[in-house]
Amino acid sequence: MKKTVETIFKILEAERPYTLLNAVDAEEEEDIESPCYEYDGGLDSLLGALADAVGRDDRYRDSFGTVLKTSPEALTLPQISTYLTWLVTEEKDCGGLIAGEIENGVLKRVLSRLLVLCP
């Protein structure tokens, strides 16, 4: 698990470790329902493998709202499981959730917390 987290951190060192594949041209009338992102180094797959290693939370929808309100530095291992399950499950439609968590800095903070809990 530690090696996977370290690999993810290396990918996150890039200024922008993802590409928006279907950017909408403001001049075009065509609407795209949902943006689609591609992540460098298979970041989305690595996060999926990490979620599996931590243990996916099949009931994540029941508690992810509380987890999102909790400081990443205070998360427990079950809460990290909920966070990772939410992140990889909701991203599967290319919606950019992972990109948002990269941009707001939360993903790095959660991964740092995971390393504290599972050195």
C-alpha atoms as a PDB file:
ATOM      1  CA  MET A   1       0.000   0.000   0.000  1.00  0.00           C
ATOM      2  CA  LYS A   2       2.806   2.415   0.894  1.00  0.00           C
ATOM      3  CA  LYS A   3       4.430   1.907  -2.513  1.00  0.00           C
ATOM      4  CA  THR A   4       1.126   2.706  -4.266  1.00  0.00           C
ATOM      5  CA  VAL A   5       0.737   5.904  -2.244  1.00  0.00           C
ATOM      6  CA  GLU A   6       4.317   6.919  -3.041  1.00  0.00           C
ATOM      7  CA  THR A   7       3.662   6.324  -6.757  1.00  0.00           C
ATOM      8  CA  ILE A   8       0.518   8.455  -6.548  1.00  0.00           C
ATOM      9  CA  PHE A   9       2.468  11.250  -4.849  1.00  0.00           C
ATOM     10  CA  LYS A  10       5.011  11.196  -7.705  1.00  0.00           C
ATOM     11  CA  ILE A  11       2.202  11.565 -10.239  1.00  0.00           C
ATOM     12  CA  LEU A  12       0.671  14.405  -8.215  1.00  0.00           C
ATOM     13  CA  GLU A  13       3.969  16.323  -8.327  1.00  0.00           C
ATOM     14  CA  ALA A  14       3.116  17.345 -11.889  1.00  0.00           C
ATOM     15  CA  GLU A  15       1.564  20.790 -12.149  1.00  0.00           C
ATOM     16  CA  ARG A  16      -1.598  19.316 -13.621  1.00  0.00           C
ATOM     17  CA  PRO A  17      -1.594  15.501 -13.688  1.00  0.00           C
ATOM     18  CA  TYR A  18      -4.709  15.215 -15.819  1.00  0.00           C
ATOM     19  CA  THR A  19      -6.084  16.260 -19.191  1.00  0.00           C
ATOM     20  CA  LEU A  20      -9.590  17.422 -19.991  1.00  0.00           C
ATOM     21  CA  LEU A  21     -10.440  15.381 -23.073  1.00  0.00           C
ATOM     22  CA  ASN A  22     -13.635  17.049 -24.211  1.00  0.00           C
ATOM     23  CA  ALA A  23     -13.328  20.735 -23.413  1.00  0.00           C
ATOM     24  CA  VAL A  24     -16.371  22.703 -24.511  1.00  0.00           C
ATOM     25  CA  ASP A  25     -15.757  25.455 -27.029  1.00  0.00           C
ATOM     26  CA  ALA A  26     -17.764  28.452 -25.832  1.00  0.00           C
ATOM     27  CA  GLU A  27     -18.560  29.366 -29.447  1.00  0.00           C
ATOM     28  CA  GLU A  28     -20.093  25.997 -30.244  1.00  0.00           C
ATOM     29  CA  GLU A  29     -23.726  25.312 -29.542  1.00  0.00           C
ATOM     30  CA  GLU A  30     -23.099  21.660 -28.828  1.00  0.00           C
ATOM     31  CA  ASP A  31     -23.399  20.855 -25.128  1.00  0.00           C
ATOM     32  CA  ILE A  32     -21.429  18.076 -23.543  1.00  0.00           C
ATOM     33  CA  GLU A  33     -23.243  16.579 -20.570  1.00  0.00           C
ATOM     34  CA  SER A  34     -20.153  15.753 -18.543  1.00  0.00           C
ATOM     35  CA  PRO A  35     -16.479  16.566 -18.991  1.00  0.00           C
ATOM     36  CA  CYS A  36     -14.144  13.595 -19.384  1.00  0.00           C
ATOM     37  CA  TYR A  37     -10.690  13.496 -17.808  1.00  0.00           C
ATOM     38  CA  GLU A  38      -7.642  11.352 -18.448  1.00  0.00           C
ATOM     39  CA  TYR A  39      -5.182  10.976 -15.580  1.00  0.00           C
ATOM     40  CA  ASP A  40      -1.409  10.739 -15.935  1.00  0.00           C
ATOM     41  CA  GLY A  41       0.272   7.470 -15.026  1.00  0.00           C
ATOM     42  CA  GLY A  42      -3.022   5.658 -14.600  1.00  0.00           C
ATOM     43  CA  LEU A  43      -3.752   7.693 -11.483  1.00  0.00           C
ATOM     44  CA  ASP A  44      -7.415   6.664 -11.467  1.00  0.00           C
ATOM     45  CA  SER A  45      -6.455   2.972 -11.639  1.00  0.00           C
ATOM     46  CA  LEU A  46      -3.888   3.404  -8.862  1.00  0.00           C
ATOM     47  CA  LEU A  47      -6.518   5.043  -6.664  1.00  0.00           C
ATOM     48  CA  GLY A  48      -8.839   2.120  -7.412  1.00  0.00           C
ATOM     49  CA  ALA A  49      -6.125  -0.347  -6.387  1.00  0.00           C
ATOM     50  CA  LEU A  50      -5.510   1.683  -3.232  1.00  0.00           C
ATOM     51  CA  ALA A  51      -9.221   1.635  -2.406  1.00  0.00           C
ATOM     52  CA  ASP A  52      -9.140  -2.145  -2.804  1.00  0.00           C
ATOM     53  CA  ALA A  53      -6.083  -2.414  -0.547  1.00  0.00           C
ATOM     54  CA  VAL A  54      -7.665  -0.284   2.172  1.00  0.00           C
ATOM     55  CA  GLY A  55     -10.981  -2.063   1.714  1.00  0.00           C
ATOM     56  CA  ARG A  56     -13.875  -0.589  -0.229  1.00  0.00           C
ATOM     57  CA  ASP A  57     -16.817   0.728   1.726  1.00  0.00           C
ATOM     58  CA  ASP A  58     -19.920  -0.755   0.112  1.00  0.00           C
ATOM     59  CA  ARG A  59     -22.061   1.620   2.160  1.00  0.00           C
ATOM     60  CA  TYR A  60     -20.034   4.747   1.413  1.00  0.00           C
ATOM     61  CA  ARG A  61     -23.115   6.735   0.410  1.00  0.00           C
ATOM     62  CA  ASP A  62     -24.404   6.488   3.978  1.00  0.00           C
ATOM     63  CA  SER A  63     -21.416   8.300   5.462  1.00  0.00           C
ATOM     64  CA  PHE A  64     -19.390  10.120   2.810  1.00  0.00           C
ATOM     65  CA  GLY A  65     -21.105  13.444   3.633  1.00  0.00           C
ATOM     66  CA  THR A  66     -19.726  13.291   7.169  1.00  0.00           C
ATOM     67  CA  VAL A  67     -16.314  12.206   5.905  1.00  0.00           C
ATOM     68  CA  LEU A  68     -16.148  15.163   3.519  1.00  0.00           C
ATOM     69  CA  LYS A  69     -16.789  17.542   6.418  1.00  0.00           C
ATOM     70  CA  THR A  70     -13.961  16.010   8.477  1.00  0.00           C
ATOM     71  CA  SER A  71     -10.454  17.430   8.262  1.00  0.00           C
ATOM     72  CA  PRO A  72      -8.280  14.973   6.298  1.00  0.00           C
ATOM     73  CA  GLU A  73      -5.747  15.032   9.133  1.00  0.00           C
ATOM     74  CA  ALA A  74      -8.392  13.654  11.524  1.00  0.00           C
ATOM     75  CA  LEU A  75      -9.745  10.848   9.314  1.00  0.00           C
ATOM     76  CA  THR A  76      -9.769   7.286  10.594  1.00  0.00           C
ATOM     77  CA  LEU A  77      -8.905   4.315   8.393  1.00  0.00           C
ATOM     78  CA  PRO A  78     -12.599   3.444   7.860  1.00  0.00           C
ATOM     79  CA  GLN A  79     -13.260   7.065   6.869  1.00  0.00           C
ATOM     80  CA  ILE A  80     -10.370   6.963   4.382  1.00  0.00           C
ATOM     81  CA  SER A  81     -11.923   3.804   2.975  1.00  0.00           C
ATOM     82  CA  THR A  82     -15.190   5.707   2.551  1.00  0.00           C
ATOM     83  CA  TYR A  83     -13.395   8.659   0.908  1.00  0.00           C
ATOM     84  CA  LEU A  84     -11.450   6.495  -1.549  1.00  0.00           C
ATOM     85  CA  THR A  85     -14.524   4.426  -2.422  1.00  0.00           C
ATOM     86  CA  TRP A  86     -16.512   7.622  -3.051  1.00  0.00           C
ATOM     87  CA  LEU A  87     -13.710   9.097  -5.142  1.00  0.00           C
ATOM     88  CA  VAL A  88     -13.134   6.137  -7.466  1.00  0.00           C
ATOM     89  CA  THR A  89     -16.788   5.120  -7.726  1.00  0.00           C
ATOM     90  CA  GLU A  90     -18.099   8.570  -8.566  1.00  0.00           C
ATOM     91  CA  GLU A  91     -15.223   9.253 -10.998  1.00  0.00           C
ATOM     92  CA  LYS A  92     -16.050   6.263 -13.184  1.00  0.00           C
ATOM     93  CA  ASP A  93     -18.157   8.424 -15.499  1.00  0.00           C
ATOM     94  CA  CYS A  94     -15.142  10.681 -16.246  1.00  0.00           C
ATOM     95  CA  GLY A  95     -16.659  13.515 -14.247  1.00  0.00           C
ATOM     96  CA  GLY A  96     -13.473  15.120 -12.949  1.00  0.00           C
ATOM     97  CA  LEU A  97     -14.004  14.380  -9.268  1.00  0.00           C
ATOM     98  CA  ILE A  98     -10.392  13.263  -8.866  1.00  0.00           C
ATOM     99  CA  ALA A  99      -9.211  16.416 -10.661  1.00  0.00           C
ATOM    100  CA  GLY A 100     -11.225  18.513  -8.203  1.00  0.00           C
ATOM    101  CA  GLU A 101      -9.730  16.706  -5.218  1.00  0.00           C
ATOM    102  CA  ILE A 102      -6.250  17.273  -6.660  1.00  0.00           C
ATOM    103  CA  GLU A 103      -6.911  20.973  -7.213  1.00  0.00           C
ATOM    104  CA  ASN A 104      -8.322  21.583  -3.728  1.00  0.00           C
ATOM    105  CA  GLY A 105      -5.413  19.696  -2.115  1.00  0.00           C
ATOM    106  CA  VAL A 106      -7.608  17.227  -0.250  1.00  0.00           C
ATOM    107  CA  LEU A 107      -6.351  14.122  -2.049  1.00  0.00           C
ATOM    108  CA  LYS A 108      -2.740  14.723  -0.964  1.00  0.00           C
ATOM    109  CA  ARG A 109      -3.843  15.392   2.601  1.00  0.00           C
ATOM    110  CA  VAL A 110      -5.897  12.180   2.746  1.00  0.00           C
ATOM    111  CA  LEU A 111      -3.005  10.158   1.336  1.00  0.00           C
ATOM    112  CA  SER A 112      -0.628  11.714   3.879  1.00  0.00           C
ATOM    113  CA  ARG A 113      -3.051  10.731   6.632  1.00  0.00           C
ATOM    114  CA  LEU A 114      -3.201   7.187   5.256  1.00  0.00           C
ATOM    115  CA  LEU A 115       0.580   6.945   5.521  1.00  0.00           C
ATOM    116  CA  VAL A 116       0.381   8.056   9.168  1.00  0.00           C
ATOM    117  CA  LEU A 117      -2.219   5.375   9.933  1.00  0.00           C
ATOM    118  CA  CYS A 118      -0.511   2.634   7.876  1.00  0.00           C
ATOM    119  CA  PRO A 119       3.219   3.368   7.877  1.00  0.00           C
END
